[in-house]
Amino acid sequence: MNILLEFFVVTFRVLWAFVLAAAKWLVRPQEKRVAGQVCLITGAGSGLGRLFALEFARRRALLVLWDINTQSNEETAGMVQHIYREMAEEAAAAAPGVAGDGEKDVLPHCNLQVYTYTCDVGKRENVYLTAERVRKEVGEVSVLVNNAGVVSGHHLLECPDELIERTMMVNCHAHFWTTKAFLPKMLEMNHGHIVTVASSLGLFSTAGVEDYCASKFGAVGFHESLSHELKAAEKDGIKTTLVCPYLVDTGMFRGCRIRKEIEPFLPPLKPEYCVKQAMRAILTDQPMICTPRLMYMVTFMKSILPFEAVVCMYRFLGADKCMYPFIAQRKQATNNNEAKNGI
């Protein structure tokens, strides 16, 4: 094709993409069905992972829960089973012979199950072995939610190398291992969905959490490259969603504070709200979701403003040292634990 003609075609497609994006703001796309599909969630024992599990359970997906903490993972499974029982009771109470709504007919309520696996996603062999067990005991995974995450809570020069490596392994490298384990079948079927739960700190950074920011930037880069690879392979049946929330009130960054005058306008996100927004994005095949929407603007401004201008804005917002109170609390907690143990 003549390069000039091709340029006009590309221009039209870019403009059309803007039109479609604007239309989605005005008309909410219909959510796809995940009933009966196998959904695997890492870090399902608490926080966002647990809430993702409950949301997918309400949509009648078959849940596979991974977590390093067996007890908390089983607690999440109990909550999922409670949702399944409630749905089964509602179905039983419904008048017999009444036709379902389409989605409810996909899978009988009695077949809804939840499977739990104790897995350290930071260890490659552990991931591959557990993935093989899932394939044998449950089946092929259709929806993969890479959610597991850790934070060391130390300044760079005070952070042990082992904790830096651990943060990188769990928050970034694990995405490689889980995706390599389950993507081949998705490619074969040209069907699936890979969700990367990253962070706004994977789009812009702040002081004191170098290892965490690096790991989340890595996860974002991995996700974007994977998305392009799927497009290049013309595997349009495999969807990807990148989730980048602002600070979420799960206790992971307890003590983190921005400027007190600004905080009422930008408080930590409620976990339930964050997951509901993410679920809407996942079920409508939205490629990326930043919560709140202000994060899109912050990312854009960081990309176009001089670095000194960004520093000036950080200082005004109190974002330059927002992690310092959190790090101080973690350090104090560590010292208290050492004192109790007589170290």
C-alpha atoms as a PDB file:
ATOM      1  CA  MET A   1       0.000   0.000   0.000  1.00  0.00           C
ATOM      2  CA  ASN A   2       1.193   3.466  -0.799  1.00  0.00           C
ATOM      3  CA  ILE A   3       2.688   4.923   2.385  1.00  0.00           C
ATOM      4  CA  LEU A   4       0.687   8.136   2.093  1.00  0.00           C
ATOM      5  CA  LEU A   5      -2.571   6.218   1.746  1.00  0.00           C
ATOM      6  CA  GLU A   6      -1.601   3.972   4.622  1.00  0.00           C
ATOM      7  CA  PHE A   7      -0.878   7.061   6.731  1.00  0.00           C
ATOM      8  CA  PHE A   8      -4.417   8.348   6.146  1.00  0.00           C
ATOM      9  CA  VAL A   9      -5.862   4.929   7.001  1.00  0.00           C
ATOM     10  CA  VAL A  10      -3.889   4.843  10.264  1.00  0.00           C
ATOM     11  CA  THR A  11      -4.990   8.389  11.085  1.00  0.00           C
ATOM     12  CA  PHE A  12      -8.615   7.403  10.551  1.00  0.00           C
ATOM     13  CA  ARG A  13      -8.207   4.327  12.779  1.00  0.00           C
ATOM     14  CA  VAL A  14      -6.626   6.395  15.539  1.00  0.00           C
ATOM     15  CA  LEU A  15      -9.474   8.913  15.409  1.00  0.00           C
ATOM     16  CA  TRP A  16     -12.000   6.077  15.340  1.00  0.00           C
ATOM     17  CA  ALA A  17     -10.386   4.609  18.458  1.00  0.00           C
ATOM     18  CA  PHE A  18     -11.003   7.936  20.200  1.00  0.00           C
ATOM     19  CA  VAL A  19     -14.636   7.856  19.083  1.00  0.00           C
ATOM     20  CA  LEU A  20     -15.121   4.324  20.420  1.00  0.00           C
ATOM     21  CA  ALA A  21     -13.458   5.246  23.713  1.00  0.00           C
ATOM     22  CA  ALA A  22     -15.747   8.270  24.073  1.00  0.00           C
ATOM     23  CA  ALA A  23     -18.783   6.126  23.259  1.00  0.00           C
ATOM     24  CA  LYS A  24     -17.901   3.768  26.120  1.00  0.00           C
ATOM     25  CA  TRP A  25     -18.036   6.730  28.485  1.00  0.00           C
ATOM     26  CA  LEU A  26     -21.549   7.515  27.329  1.00  0.00           C
ATOM     27  CA  VAL A  27     -22.926   4.007  26.857  1.00  0.00           C
ATOM     28  CA  ARG A  28     -21.749   1.397  29.336  1.00  0.00           C
ATOM     29  CA  PRO A  29     -20.650  -1.759  27.465  1.00  0.00           C
ATOM     30  CA  GLN A  30     -22.367  -5.018  28.326  1.00  0.00           C
ATOM     31  CA  GLU A  31     -20.427  -7.183  30.771  1.00  0.00           C
ATOM     32  CA  LYS A  32     -19.284 -10.555  29.494  1.00  0.00           C
ATOM     33  CA  ARG A  33     -20.167 -13.798  31.251  1.00  0.00           C
ATOM     34  CA  VAL A  34     -17.620 -15.800  33.215  1.00  0.00           C
ATOM     35  CA  ALA A  35     -20.032 -18.402  34.635  1.00  0.00           C
ATOM     36  CA  GLY A  36     -18.482 -21.854  34.548  1.00  0.00           C
ATOM     37  CA  GLN A  37     -15.046 -20.551  33.585  1.00  0.00           C
ATOM     38  CA  VAL A  38     -12.008 -21.356  35.719  1.00  0.00           C
ATOM     39  CA  CYS A  39     -10.668 -18.197  37.359  1.00  0.00           C
ATOM     40  CA  LEU A  40      -7.321 -18.315  39.170  1.00  0.00           C
ATOM     41  CA  ILE A  41      -6.443 -15.544  41.621  1.00  0.00           C
ATOM     42  CA  THR A  42      -3.039 -15.197  43.268  1.00  0.00           C
ATOM     43  CA  GLY A  43      -2.825 -13.604  46.706  1.00  0.00           C
ATOM     44  CA  ALA A  44      -6.438 -14.608  47.336  1.00  0.00           C
ATOM     45  CA  GLY A  45      -6.066 -14.948  51.093  1.00  0.00           C
ATOM     46  CA  SER A  46      -6.671 -11.299  51.927  1.00  0.00           C
ATOM     47  CA  GLY A  47      -7.059  -7.761  50.640  1.00  0.00           C
ATOM     48  CA  LEU A  48      -7.952  -7.214  47.008  1.00  0.00           C
ATOM     49  CA  GLY A  49      -7.410 -10.879  46.145  1.00  0.00           C
ATOM     50  CA  ARG A  50     -10.137 -11.964  48.539  1.00  0.00           C
ATOM     51  CA  LEU A  51     -12.540  -9.354  47.183  1.00  0.00           C
ATOM     52  CA  PHE A  52     -11.804 -10.401  43.603  1.00  0.00           C
ATOM     53  CA  ALA A  53     -12.636 -13.986  44.585  1.00  0.00           C
ATOM     54  CA  LEU A  54     -15.989 -12.940  46.056  1.00  0.00           C
ATOM     55  CA  GLU A  55     -16.867 -10.881  42.978  1.00  0.00           C
ATOM     56  CA  PHE A  56     -16.064 -13.713  40.579  1.00  0.00           C
ATOM     57  CA  ALA A  57     -17.984 -16.131  42.807  1.00  0.00           C
ATOM     58  CA  ARG A  58     -21.090 -13.922  42.526  1.00  0.00           C
ATOM     59  CA  ARG A  59     -20.724 -14.283  38.750  1.00  0.00           C
ATOM     60  CA  ARG A  60     -20.607 -18.072  39.128  1.00  0.00           C
ATOM     61  CA  ALA A  61     -17.008 -18.656  38.061  1.00  0.00           C
ATOM     62  CA  LEU A  62     -15.108 -21.722  39.282  1.00  0.00           C
ATOM     63  CA  LEU A  63     -12.513 -20.320  41.646  1.00  0.00           C
ATOM     64  CA  VAL A  64      -8.896 -21.423  42.050  1.00  0.00           C
ATOM     65  CA  LEU A  65      -7.315 -19.579  44.962  1.00  0.00           C
ATOM     66  CA  TRP A  66      -3.562 -19.315  45.472  1.00  0.00           C
ATOM     67  CA  ASP A  67      -1.931 -17.863  48.554  1.00  0.00           C
ATOM     68  CA  ILE A  68       1.158 -18.486  50.648  1.00  0.00           C
ATOM     69  CA  ASN A  69      -0.986 -18.379  53.804  1.00  0.00           C
ATOM     70  CA  THR A  70      -3.038 -21.571  53.932  1.00  0.00           C
ATOM     71  CA  GLN A  71      -5.347 -20.452  56.744  1.00  0.00           C
ATOM     72  CA  SER A  72      -6.338 -17.126  55.193  1.00  0.00           C
ATOM     73  CA  ASN A  73      -6.782 -18.801  51.821  1.00  0.00           C
ATOM     74  CA  GLU A  74      -9.181 -21.334  53.353  1.00  0.00           C
ATOM     75  CA  GLU A  75     -11.084 -18.471  54.982  1.00  0.00           C
ATOM     76  CA  THR A  76     -11.570 -16.885  51.555  1.00  0.00           C
ATOM     77  CA  ALA A  77     -12.722 -20.254  50.205  1.00  0.00           C
ATOM     78  CA  GLY A  78     -15.281 -20.444  53.013  1.00  0.00           C
ATOM     79  CA  MET A  79     -16.665 -17.049  52.006  1.00  0.00           C
ATOM     80  CA  VAL A  80     -16.869 -18.171  48.376  1.00  0.00           C
ATOM     81  CA  GLN A  81     -18.685 -21.363  49.371  1.00  0.00           C
ATOM     82  CA  HIS A  82     -21.153 -19.274  51.379  1.00  0.00           C
ATOM     83  CA  ILE A  83     -21.930 -17.246  48.240  1.00  0.00           C
ATOM     84  CA  TYR A  84     -22.362 -20.444  46.233  1.00  0.00           C
ATOM     85  CA  ARG A  85     -24.765 -21.824  48.861  1.00  0.00           C
ATOM     86  CA  GLU A  86     -26.795 -18.613  48.863  1.00  0.00           C
ATOM     87  CA  MET A  87     -27.133 -18.742  45.085  1.00  0.00           C
ATOM     88  CA  ALA A  88     -28.123 -22.416  45.224  1.00  0.00           C
ATOM     89  CA  GLU A  89     -30.798 -21.652  47.831  1.00  0.00           C
ATOM     90  CA  GLU A  90     -32.136 -18.774  45.721  1.00  0.00           C
ATOM     91  CA  ALA A  91     -32.297 -21.062  42.707  1.00  0.00           C
ATOM     92  CA  ALA A  92     -34.085 -23.757  44.702  1.00  0.00           C
ATOM     93  CA  ALA A  93     -36.592 -21.218  46.010  1.00  0.00           C
ATOM     94  CA  ALA A  94     -37.378 -20.018  42.509  1.00  0.00           C
ATOM     95  CA  ALA A  95     -40.502 -21.418  40.893  1.00  0.00           C
ATOM     96  CA  PRO A  96     -39.692 -24.690  39.098  1.00  0.00           C
ATOM     97  CA  GLY A  97     -39.852 -24.582  35.356  1.00  0.00           C
ATOM     98  CA  VAL A  98     -39.084 -20.873  35.174  1.00  0.00           C
ATOM     99  CA  ALA A  99     -36.504 -20.196  32.511  1.00  0.00           C
ATOM    100  CA  GLY A 100     -33.192 -18.740  33.651  1.00  0.00           C
ATOM    101  CA  ASP A 101     -31.645 -15.526  32.443  1.00  0.00           C
ATOM    102  CA  GLY A 102     -29.148 -17.212  30.169  1.00  0.00           C
ATOM    103  CA  GLU A 103     -26.100 -16.927  32.395  1.00  0.00           C
ATOM    104  CA  LYS A 104     -27.643 -19.019  35.156  1.00  0.00           C
ATOM    105  CA  ASP A 105     -28.215 -21.872  32.724  1.00  0.00           C
ATOM    106  CA  VAL A 106     -24.536 -22.136  31.868  1.00  0.00           C
ATOM    107  CA  LEU A 107     -23.632 -24.206  34.930  1.00  0.00           C
ATOM    108  CA  PRO A 108     -25.799 -25.906  37.564  1.00  0.00           C
ATOM    109  CA  HIS A 109     -25.358 -24.453  41.046  1.00  0.00           C
ATOM    110  CA  CYS A 110     -24.361 -27.846  42.413  1.00  0.00           C
ATOM    111  CA  ASN A 111     -21.248 -27.827  40.176  1.00  0.00           C
ATOM    112  CA  LEU A 112     -19.864 -24.568  41.526  1.00  0.00           C
ATOM    113  CA  GLN A 113     -16.639 -25.302  43.373  1.00  0.00           C
ATOM    114  CA  VAL A 114     -13.675 -23.517  44.854  1.00  0.00           C
ATOM    115  CA  TYR A 115     -10.170 -24.973  44.973  1.00  0.00           C
ATOM    116  CA  THR A 116      -7.378 -23.783  47.233  1.00  0.00           C
ATOM    117  CA  TYR A 117      -3.639 -24.198  46.789  1.00  0.00           C
ATOM    118  CA  THR A 118      -0.820 -23.056  49.022  1.00  0.00           C
ATOM    119  CA  CYS A 119       1.710 -21.534  46.654  1.00  0.00           C
ATOM    120  CA  ASP A 120       4.627 -19.131  46.985  1.00  0.00           C
ATOM    121  CA  VAL A 121       4.440 -17.297  43.654  1.00  0.00           C
ATOM    122  CA  GLY A 122       7.905 -15.869  44.256  1.00  0.00           C
ATOM    123  CA  LYS A 123       9.366 -19.349  43.695  1.00  0.00           C
ATOM    124  CA  ARG A 124       9.327 -20.385  40.059  1.00  0.00           C
ATOM    125  CA  GLU A 125       9.281 -24.153  40.577  1.00  0.00           C
ATOM    126  CA  ASN A 126       6.501 -23.842  43.147  1.00  0.00           C
ATOM    127  CA  VAL A 127       4.404 -21.955  40.585  1.00  0.00           C
ATOM    128  CA  TYR A 128       4.977 -24.510  37.822  1.00  0.00           C
ATOM    129  CA  LEU A 129       4.264 -27.500  40.072  1.00  0.00           C
ATOM    130  CA  THR A 130       1.087 -25.937  41.466  1.00  0.00           C
ATOM    131  CA  ALA A 131      -0.035 -24.949  37.964  1.00  0.00           C
ATOM    132  CA  GLU A 132       0.332 -28.565  36.850  1.00  0.00           C
ATOM    133  CA  ARG A 133      -1.801 -29.679  39.789  1.00  0.00           C
ATOM    134  CA  VAL A 134      -4.476 -27.150  38.807  1.00  0.00           C
ATOM    135  CA  ARG A 135      -4.573 -28.436  35.230  1.00  0.00           C
ATOM    136  CA  LYS A 136      -4.954 -32.030  36.429  1.00  0.00           C
ATOM    137  CA  GLU A 137      -7.431 -31.417  39.251  1.00  0.00           C
ATOM    138  CA  VAL A 138      -9.506 -28.516  37.938  1.00  0.00           C
ATOM    139  CA  GLY A 139      -8.870 -27.921  34.240  1.00  0.00           C
ATOM    140  CA  GLU A 140      -7.521 -25.154  32.073  1.00  0.00           C
ATOM    141  CA  VAL A 141      -7.582 -21.602  33.445  1.00  0.00           C
ATOM    142  CA  SER A 142      -9.611 -19.051  31.464  1.00  0.00           C
ATOM    143  CA  VAL A 143      -9.116 -16.001  33.690  1.00  0.00           C
ATOM    144  CA  LEU A 144      -5.772 -15.368  35.389  1.00  0.00           C
ATOM    145  CA  VAL A 145      -5.653 -12.585  37.983  1.00  0.00           C
ATOM    146  CA  ASN A 146      -2.064 -11.824  38.988  1.00  0.00           C
ATOM    147  CA  ASN A 147      -2.776 -10.046  42.246  1.00  0.00           C
ATOM    148  CA  ALA A 148      -0.211 -11.233  44.827  1.00  0.00           C
ATOM    149  CA  GLY A 149       2.026  -8.476  46.152  1.00  0.00           C
ATOM    150  CA  VAL A 150       4.373  -7.598  49.009  1.00  0.00           C
ATOM    151  CA  VAL A 151       6.134  -4.491  50.277  1.00  0.00           C
ATOM    152  CA  SER A 152       9.338  -4.383  52.333  1.00  0.00           C
ATOM    153  CA  GLY A 153       8.796  -0.993  53.982  1.00  0.00           C
ATOM    154  CA  HIS A 154      12.467   0.025  54.182  1.00  0.00           C
ATOM    155  CA  HIS A 155      14.570   2.815  52.777  1.00  0.00           C
ATOM    156  CA  LEU A 156      16.884   1.546  50.056  1.00  0.00           C
ATOM    157  CA  LEU A 157      20.099   1.593  52.080  1.00  0.00           C
ATOM    158  CA  GLU A 158      18.371  -0.016  55.066  1.00  0.00           C
ATOM    159  CA  CYS A 159      16.619  -2.741  53.095  1.00  0.00           C
ATOM    160  CA  PRO A 160      18.220  -6.201  53.187  1.00  0.00           C
ATOM    161  CA  ASP A 161      19.025  -7.581  49.760  1.00  0.00           C
ATOM    162  CA  GLU A 162      16.830 -10.590  50.471  1.00  0.00           C
ATOM    163  CA  LEU A 163      13.761  -8.375  50.888  1.00  0.00           C
ATOM    164  CA  ILE A 164      14.524  -6.496  47.673  1.00  0.00           C
ATOM    165  CA  GLU A 165      14.764  -9.788  45.806  1.00  0.00           C
ATOM    166  CA  ARG A 166      11.566 -11.022  47.451  1.00  0.00           C
ATOM    167  CA  THR A 167       9.661  -7.903  46.385  1.00  0.00           C
ATOM    168  CA  MET A 168      10.834  -8.257  42.794  1.00  0.00           C
ATOM    169  CA  MET A 169      10.039 -11.980  42.700  1.00  0.00           C
ATOM    170  CA  VAL A 170       6.487 -11.717  44.056  1.00  0.00           C
ATOM    171  CA  ASN A 171       5.423  -8.420  42.482  1.00  0.00           C
ATOM    172  CA  CYS A 172       7.024  -8.854  39.069  1.00  0.00           C
ATOM    173  CA  HIS A 173       8.716 -12.162  38.256  1.00  0.00           C
ATOM    174  CA  ALA A 174       5.705 -14.186  39.417  1.00  0.00           C
ATOM    175  CA  HIS A 175       3.698 -12.696  36.543  1.00  0.00           C
ATOM    176  CA  PHE A 176       6.130 -14.302  34.110  1.00  0.00           C
ATOM    177  CA  TRP A 177       5.830 -17.734  35.768  1.00  0.00           C
ATOM    178  CA  THR A 178       2.030 -17.804  36.039  1.00  0.00           C
ATOM    179  CA  THR A 179       1.546 -16.476  32.517  1.00  0.00           C
ATOM    180  CA  LYS A 180       3.989 -18.993  31.044  1.00  0.00           C
ATOM    181  CA  ALA A 181       2.110 -21.732  32.875  1.00  0.00           C
ATOM    182  CA  PHE A 182      -1.378 -20.902  31.598  1.00  0.00           C
ATOM    183  CA  LEU A 183      -0.964 -18.857  28.414  1.00  0.00           C
ATOM    184  CA  PRO A 184      -0.166 -21.785  26.037  1.00  0.00           C
ATOM    185  CA  LYS A 185      -3.677 -23.251  26.343  1.00  0.00           C
ATOM    186  CA  MET A 186      -5.212 -19.788  26.000  1.00  0.00           C
ATOM    187  CA  LEU A 187      -3.268 -19.348  22.763  1.00  0.00           C
ATOM    188  CA  GLU A 188      -4.413 -22.738  21.530  1.00  0.00           C
ATOM    189  CA  MET A 189      -8.057 -21.903  22.231  1.00  0.00           C
ATOM    190  CA  ASN A 190      -7.705 -18.190  21.418  1.00  0.00           C
ATOM    191  CA  HIS A 191      -9.686 -17.548  24.579  1.00  0.00           C
ATOM    192  CA  GLY A 192      -8.771 -16.170  27.984  1.00  0.00           C
ATOM    193  CA  HIS A 193      -8.177 -13.085  30.062  1.00  0.00           C
ATOM    194  CA  ILE A 194      -5.016 -12.030  31.912  1.00  0.00           C
ATOM    195  CA  VAL A 195      -5.370  -9.404  34.621  1.00  0.00           C
ATOM    196  CA  THR A 196      -2.358  -7.618  36.090  1.00  0.00           C
ATOM    197  CA  VAL A 197      -3.028  -5.928  39.410  1.00  0.00           C
ATOM    198  CA  ALA A 198      -0.238  -3.356  39.536  1.00  0.00           C
ATOM    199  CA  SER A 199      -0.365   0.057  41.203  1.00  0.00           C
ATOM    200  CA  SER A 200      -0.278   3.750  40.464  1.00  0.00           C
ATOM    201  CA  LEU A 201       3.306   3.387  41.729  1.00  0.00           C
ATOM    202  CA  GLY A 202       3.942   1.392  38.581  1.00  0.00           C
ATOM    203  CA  LEU A 203       3.174   4.521  36.551  1.00  0.00           C
ATOM    204  CA  PHE A 204       4.865   7.163  38.703  1.00  0.00           C
ATOM    205  CA  SER A 205       7.028   6.858  41.785  1.00  0.00           C
ATOM    206  CA  THR A 206       7.801   8.370  45.161  1.00  0.00           C
ATOM    207  CA  ALA A 207      10.632   8.277  47.658  1.00  0.00           C
ATOM    208  CA  GLY A 208      11.367   5.458  50.076  1.00  0.00           C
ATOM    209  CA  VAL A 209       9.862   2.504  48.198  1.00  0.00           C
ATOM    210  CA  GLU A 210      12.376   1.964  45.407  1.00  0.00           C
ATOM    211  CA  ASP A 211      11.992  -1.807  45.382  1.00  0.00           C
ATOM    212  CA  TYR A 212       8.201  -1.674  45.331  1.00  0.00           C
ATOM    213  CA  CYS A 213       8.084   0.943  42.560  1.00  0.00           C
ATOM    214  CA  ALA A 214      10.630  -0.977  40.492  1.00  0.00           C
ATOM    215  CA  SER A 215       8.613  -4.185  40.845  1.00  0.00           C
ATOM    216  CA  LYS A 216       5.359  -2.497  39.845  1.00  0.00           C
ATOM    217  CA  PHE A 217       6.982  -0.671  36.930  1.00  0.00           C
ATOM    218  CA  GLY A 218       8.255  -4.087  35.861  1.00  0.00           C
ATOM    219  CA  ALA A 219       4.776  -5.601  36.129  1.00  0.00           C
ATOM    220  CA  VAL A 220       3.322  -2.772  34.028  1.00  0.00           C
ATOM    221  CA  GLY A 221       6.041  -3.184  31.400  1.00  0.00           C
ATOM    222  CA  PHE A 222       5.510  -6.939  31.299  1.00  0.00           C
ATOM    223  CA  HIS A 223       1.767  -6.513  30.902  1.00  0.00           C
ATOM    224  CA  GLU A 224       2.034  -3.923  28.125  1.00  0.00           C
ATOM    225  CA  SER A 225       4.575  -5.978  26.177  1.00  0.00           C
ATOM    226  CA  LEU A 226       2.444  -9.105  26.566  1.00  0.00           C
ATOM    227  CA  SER A 227      -0.607  -7.202  25.303  1.00  0.00           C
ATOM    228  CA  HIS A 228       1.316  -6.076  22.214  1.00  0.00           C
ATOM    229  CA  GLU A 229       2.572  -9.621  21.624  1.00  0.00           C
ATOM    230  CA  LEU A 230      -0.982 -10.978  21.680  1.00  0.00           C
ATOM    231  CA  LYS A 231      -2.061  -8.284  19.232  1.00  0.00           C
ATOM    232  CA  ALA A 232       0.896  -9.046  16.958  1.00  0.00           C
ATOM    233  CA  ALA A 233      -0.082 -12.723  17.014  1.00  0.00           C
ATOM    234  CA  GLU A 234      -3.674 -11.709  16.184  1.00  0.00           C
ATOM    235  CA  LYS A 235      -4.995 -13.550  19.222  1.00  0.00           C
ATOM    236  CA  ASP A 236      -7.910 -11.205  19.730  1.00  0.00           C
ATOM    237  CA  GLY A 237      -9.775 -13.775  21.834  1.00  0.00           C
ATOM    238  CA  ILE A 238      -7.283 -13.307  24.675  1.00  0.00           C
ATOM    239  CA  LYS A 239      -7.969 -10.101  26.590  1.00  0.00           C
ATOM    240  CA  THR A 240      -5.736  -8.240  29.009  1.00  0.00           C
ATOM    241  CA  THR A 241      -6.559  -5.710  31.720  1.00  0.00           C
ATOM    242  CA  LEU A 242      -4.053  -3.630  33.671  1.00  0.00           C
ATOM    243  CA  VAL A 243      -5.303  -2.457  37.082  1.00  0.00           C
ATOM    244  CA  CYS A 244      -3.471   0.545  38.567  1.00  0.00           C
ATOM    245  CA  PRO A 245      -5.184   1.808  41.721  1.00  0.00           C
ATOM    246  CA  TYR A 246      -4.098   4.660  43.933  1.00  0.00           C
ATOM    247  CA  LEU A 247      -3.341   3.871  47.570  1.00  0.00           C
ATOM    248  CA  VAL A 248      -5.856   1.255  48.755  1.00  0.00           C
ATOM    249  CA  ASP A 249      -6.913   1.052  52.390  1.00  0.00           C
ATOM    250  CA  THR A 250      -5.961  -2.603  52.934  1.00  0.00           C
ATOM    251  CA  GLY A 251      -3.368  -1.944  55.620  1.00  0.00           C
ATOM    252  CA  MET A 252      -0.492  -2.692  53.263  1.00  0.00           C
ATOM    253  CA  PHE A 253       0.698   0.928  53.427  1.00  0.00           C
ATOM    254  CA  ARG A 254      -0.720   1.831  56.820  1.00  0.00           C
ATOM    255  CA  GLY A 255       0.587   5.216  57.914  1.00  0.00           C
ATOM    256  CA  CYS A 256       1.167   6.615  54.430  1.00  0.00           C
ATOM    257  CA  ARG A 257       0.074  10.271  54.427  1.00  0.00           C
ATOM    258  CA  ILE A 258      -0.029  13.086  51.906  1.00  0.00           C
ATOM    259  CA  ARG A 259      -0.510  16.754  52.842  1.00  0.00           C
ATOM    260  CA  LYS A 260      -3.338  17.025  55.362  1.00  0.00           C
ATOM    261  CA  GLU A 261      -5.105  19.805  53.431  1.00  0.00           C
ATOM    262  CA  ILE A 262      -5.108  17.636  50.279  1.00  0.00           C
ATOM    263  CA  GLU A 263      -5.945  14.317  51.918  1.00  0.00           C
ATOM    264  CA  PRO A 264      -9.741  14.893  52.120  1.00  0.00           C
ATOM    265  CA  PHE A 265      -9.788  15.293  48.333  1.00  0.00           C
ATOM    266  CA  LEU A 266      -7.585  12.246  47.688  1.00  0.00           C
ATOM    267  CA  PRO A 267      -8.187   9.746  50.502  1.00  0.00           C
ATOM    268  CA  PRO A 268      -7.083   6.100  50.342  1.00  0.00           C
ATOM    269  CA  LEU A 269      -9.454   4.018  48.223  1.00  0.00           C
ATOM    270  CA  LYS A 270     -11.928   1.650  49.820  1.00  0.00           C
ATOM    271  CA  PRO A 271     -10.936  -1.875  48.725  1.00  0.00           C
ATOM    272  CA  GLU A 272     -14.510  -2.734  47.763  1.00  0.00           C
ATOM    273  CA  TYR A 273     -14.756   0.284  45.468  1.00  0.00           C
ATOM    274  CA  CYS A 274     -11.388  -0.454  43.903  1.00  0.00           C
ATOM    275  CA  VAL A 275     -12.331  -4.068  43.106  1.00  0.00           C
ATOM    276  CA  LYS A 276     -15.769  -3.163  41.756  1.00  0.00           C
ATOM    277  CA  GLN A 277     -14.167  -0.676  39.370  1.00  0.00           C
ATOM    278  CA  ALA A 278     -11.601  -3.265  38.345  1.00  0.00           C
ATOM    279  CA  MET A 279     -14.297  -5.914  37.820  1.00  0.00           C
ATOM    280  CA  ARG A 280     -16.240  -3.577  35.561  1.00  0.00           C
ATOM    281  CA  ALA A 281     -13.072  -3.051  33.497  1.00  0.00           C
ATOM    282  CA  ILE A 282     -12.330  -6.791  33.341  1.00  0.00           C
ATOM    283  CA  LEU A 283     -15.847  -7.808  32.347  1.00  0.00           C
ATOM    284  CA  THR A 284     -16.017  -5.171  29.608  1.00  0.00           C
ATOM    285  CA  ASP A 285     -12.532  -6.047  28.277  1.00  0.00           C
ATOM    286  CA  GLN A 286     -11.142  -2.634  29.167  1.00  0.00           C
ATOM    287  CA  PRO A 287      -7.357  -2.688  28.572  1.00  0.00           C
ATOM    288  CA  MET A 288      -6.490  -0.486  31.550  1.00  0.00           C
ATOM    289  CA  ILE A 289      -8.157   0.992  34.612  1.00  0.00           C
ATOM    290  CA  CYS A 290      -6.692   3.665  36.876  1.00  0.00           C
ATOM    291  CA  THR A 291      -8.605   4.432  40.056  1.00  0.00           C
ATOM    292  CA  PRO A 292      -9.447   7.223  40.659  1.00  0.00           C
ATOM    293  CA  ARG A 293      -9.438   8.772  37.190  1.00  0.00           C
ATOM    294  CA  LEU A 294      -7.162  11.520  38.472  1.00  0.00           C
ATOM    295  CA  MET A 295      -4.315   8.996  38.168  1.00  0.00           C
ATOM    296  CA  TYR A 296      -4.557   9.237  34.374  1.00  0.00           C
ATOM    297  CA  MET A 297      -3.878  12.976  34.604  1.00  0.00           C
ATOM    298  CA  VAL A 298      -0.979  12.522  37.024  1.00  0.00           C
ATOM    299  CA  THR A 299       0.616   9.970  34.702  1.00  0.00           C
ATOM    300  CA  PHE A 300       0.166  12.256  31.689  1.00  0.00           C
ATOM    301  CA  MET A 301       1.621  15.276  33.485  1.00  0.00           C
ATOM    302  CA  LYS A 302       4.587  13.239  34.695  1.00  0.00           C
ATOM    303  CA  SER A 303       5.287  12.344  31.062  1.00  0.00           C
ATOM    304  CA  ILE A 304       5.294  15.896  29.710  1.00  0.00           C
ATOM    305  CA  LEU A 305       6.510  18.088  32.585  1.00  0.00           C
ATOM    306  CA  PRO A 306      10.186  18.741  33.393  1.00  0.00           C
ATOM    307  CA  PHE A 307      11.441  16.667  36.304  1.00  0.00           C
ATOM    308  CA  GLU A 308      11.886  19.725  38.537  1.00  0.00           C
ATOM    309  CA  ALA A 309       8.263  20.676  37.879  1.00  0.00           C
ATOM    310  CA  VAL A 310       7.184  17.197  38.953  1.00  0.00           C
ATOM    311  CA  VAL A 311       9.269  17.527  42.139  1.00  0.00           C
ATOM    312  CA  CYS A 312       7.612  20.872  42.837  1.00  0.00           C
ATOM    313  CA  MET A 313       4.161  19.318  42.475  1.00  0.00           C
ATOM    314  CA  TYR A 314       5.117  16.379  44.700  1.00  0.00           C
ATOM    315  CA  ARG A 315       6.249  18.738  47.446  1.00  0.00           C
ATOM    316  CA  PHE A 316       3.054  20.775  47.210  1.00  0.00           C
ATOM    317  CA  LEU A 317       0.917  17.631  47.522  1.00  0.00           C
ATOM    318  CA  GLY A 318       3.100  16.134  50.231  1.00  0.00           C
ATOM    319  CA  ALA A 319       3.684  13.135  47.968  1.00  0.00           C
ATOM    320  CA  ASP A 320       7.479  13.414  48.038  1.00  0.00           C
ATOM    321  CA  LYS A 321       7.718  11.955  51.557  1.00  0.00           C
ATOM    322  CA  CYS A 322       4.279  10.348  51.867  1.00  0.00           C
ATOM    323  CA  MET A 323       5.790   6.913  52.531  1.00  0.00           C
ATOM    324  CA  TYR A 324       8.055   8.063  55.365  1.00  0.00           C
ATOM    325  CA  PRO A 325       5.449   7.669  58.147  1.00  0.00           C
ATOM    326  CA  PHE A 326       4.624   4.197  56.821  1.00  0.00           C
ATOM    327  CA  ILE A 327       8.304   3.211  56.799  1.00  0.00           C
ATOM    328  CA  ALA A 328       8.747   4.597  60.322  1.00  0.00           C
ATOM    329  CA  GLN A 329       5.790   2.515  61.561  1.00  0.00           C
ATOM    330  CA  ARG A 330       7.197  -0.620  59.938  1.00  0.00           C
ATOM    331  CA  LYS A 331      10.582   0.026  61.499  1.00  0.00           C
ATOM    332  CA  GLN A 332       9.026   0.540  64.922  1.00  0.00           C
ATOM    333  CA  ALA A 333       6.982  -2.651  64.569  1.00  0.00           C
ATOM    334  CA  THR A 334      10.129  -4.564  63.603  1.00  0.00           C
ATOM    335  CA  ASN A 335      12.019  -3.194  66.625  1.00  0.00           C
ATOM    336  CA  ASN A 336       9.111  -4.120  68.928  1.00  0.00           C
ATOM    337  CA  ASN A 337       9.036  -7.672  67.578  1.00  0.00           C
ATOM    338  CA  GLU A 338      12.774  -8.027  68.058  1.00  0.00           C
ATOM    339  CA  ALA A 339      12.463  -6.745  71.633  1.00  0.00           C
ATOM    340  CA  LYS A 340       9.679  -9.235  72.406  1.00  0.00           C
ATOM    341  CA  ASN A 341      11.753 -12.093  71.012  1.00  0.00           C
ATOM    342  CA  GLY A 342      14.786 -10.975  72.972  1.00  0.00           C
ATOM    343  CA  ILE A 343      16.889 -10.361  69.884  1.00  0.00           C
END
